[in-house]
Amino acid sequence: MGKLALHEIDGEEKQELVTCEPEELQAIVKEDTQYEITVLEEKLAQMKPNMAAIAEYRKKVQIRFLSSPLMYNCSAVEMFKSNYKELHIFEYANV
């Protein structure tokens, strides 16, 4: 069996790998350990995010990001038209 090591996780303090003696390992009750594994697996299953909702959110963000320049250009064109009309009216008023 290869050498075991713990990986560091951001935001958590580093832990040391615990080694057990053969007598300690024999004292561990198999049923208790299996129960702990089952509880941890259930907790893990509850923590799984809804990937479809995340994908939908990312799609909406992408659409919003791509349409923003288009909305900005439409607003700029409308502003230009409005200013042109005001200038045109101002020209005829001063003639």
Protein backbone atom coordinates (compact mmCIF):
# COMPACT_ATOMS: atom_id res chain seq x y z
CA MET A 1 0.00 0.00 0.00
CA GLY A 2 1.29 3.47 -0.86
CA LYS A 3 2.06 6.27 1.53
CA LEU A 4 -1.03 8.19 2.69
CA ALA A 5 -1.17 11.95 3.12
CA LEU A 6 -3.82 14.56 3.90
CA HIS A 7 -4.40 17.44 1.52
CA GLU A 8 -4.77 21.00 2.75
CA ILE A 9 -8.17 22.61 2.32
CA ASP A 10 -8.45 26.38 2.05
CA GLY A 11 -10.03 27.92 5.13
CA GLU A 12 -9.42 24.93 7.39
CA GLU A 13 -6.51 24.25 9.67
CA LYS A 14 -4.10 21.51 8.68
CA GLN A 15 -4.66 18.15 10.35
CA GLU A 16 -2.23 15.34 10.98
CA LEU A 17 -2.84 11.82 9.71
CA VAL A 18 -3.63 9.53 12.64
CA THR A 19 -2.03 6.09 12.74
CA CYS A 20 -3.60 3.22 14.66
CA GLU A 21 -1.99 0.21 16.23
CA PRO A 22 -3.28 -3.26 15.24
CA GLU A 23 -4.92 -3.67 18.66
CA GLU A 24 -6.87 -0.43 18.17
CA LEU A 25 -8.04 -1.54 14.75
CA GLN A 26 -9.34 -4.84 16.12
CA ALA A 27 -11.30 -2.97 18.80
CA ILE A 28 -13.26 -0.98 16.23
CA VAL A 29 -16.74 -2.43 15.80
CA LYS A 30 -17.55 -3.05 12.14
CA GLU A 31 -21.27 -2.22 12.48
CA ASP A 32 -20.57 1.15 14.13
CA THR A 33 -18.13 2.06 11.40
CA GLN A 34 -20.61 1.04 8.69
CA TYR A 35 -23.29 3.18 10.37
CA GLU A 36 -20.96 6.20 10.42
CA ILE A 37 -20.18 5.68 6.74
CA THR A 38 -23.90 5.54 5.91
CA VAL A 39 -24.62 8.74 7.86
CA LEU A 40 -21.77 10.56 6.11
CA GLU A 41 -22.92 9.34 2.68
CA GLU A 42 -26.45 10.64 3.40
CA LYS A 43 -25.06 14.03 4.41
CA LEU A 44 -22.99 14.11 1.24
CA ALA A 45 -26.05 13.29 -0.89
CA GLN A 46 -27.95 16.19 0.70
CA MET A 47 -25.14 18.62 -0.08
CA LYS A 48 -25.21 17.97 -3.84
CA PRO A 49 -26.36 21.13 -5.63
CA ASN A 50 -28.99 21.18 -8.34
CA MET A 51 -26.70 21.26 -11.37
CA ALA A 52 -29.60 21.96 -13.76
CA ALA A 53 -30.45 25.15 -11.86
CA ILE A 54 -26.82 26.23 -11.92
CA ALA A 55 -26.59 25.57 -15.68
CA GLU A 56 -29.80 27.58 -16.25
CA TYR A 57 -28.43 30.47 -14.17
CA ARG A 58 -25.16 30.48 -16.12
CA LYS A 59 -27.10 30.46 -19.40
CA LYS A 60 -29.16 33.48 -18.28
CA VAL A 61 -26.01 35.33 -17.20
CA GLN A 62 -24.44 34.59 -20.59
CA ILE A 63 -27.54 35.87 -22.43
CA ARG A 64 -27.61 39.01 -20.28
CA PHE A 65 -23.89 39.57 -20.86
CA LEU A 66 -24.26 39.19 -24.63
CA SER A 67 -27.35 41.38 -24.86
CA SER A 68 -25.98 44.24 -22.73
CA PRO A 69 -24.02 45.90 -25.57
CA LEU A 70 -27.08 45.59 -27.81
CA MET A 71 -29.26 47.32 -25.22
CA TYR A 72 -26.61 49.99 -24.76
CA ASN A 73 -26.44 50.59 -28.53
CA CYS A 74 -30.25 50.85 -28.77
CA SER A 75 -30.24 53.39 -25.96
CA ALA A 76 -27.48 55.38 -27.67
CA VAL A 77 -29.39 55.41 -30.97
CA GLU A 78 -32.57 56.57 -29.24
CA MET A 79 -30.64 59.31 -27.46
CA PHE A 80 -29.05 60.39 -30.75
CA LYS A 81 -32.47 60.52 -32.46
CA SER A 82 -33.91 62.54 -29.58
CA ASN A 83 -31.03 65.02 -29.65
CA TYR A 84 -31.30 65.30 -33.43
CA LYS A 85 -35.02 66.09 -33.21
CA GLU A 86 -34.38 68.71 -30.53
CA LEU A 87 -31.64 70.27 -32.65
CA HIS A 88 -33.86 70.20 -35.72
CA ILE A 89 -36.73 71.91 -33.82
CA PHE A 90 -34.27 74.45 -32.36
CA GLU A 91 -32.95 75.28 -35.87
CA TYR A 92 -36.42 75.98 -37.24
CA ALA A 93 -37.40 78.00 -34.19
CA ASN A 94 -34.43 80.36 -34.69
CA VAL A 95 -35.00 80.92 -38.44
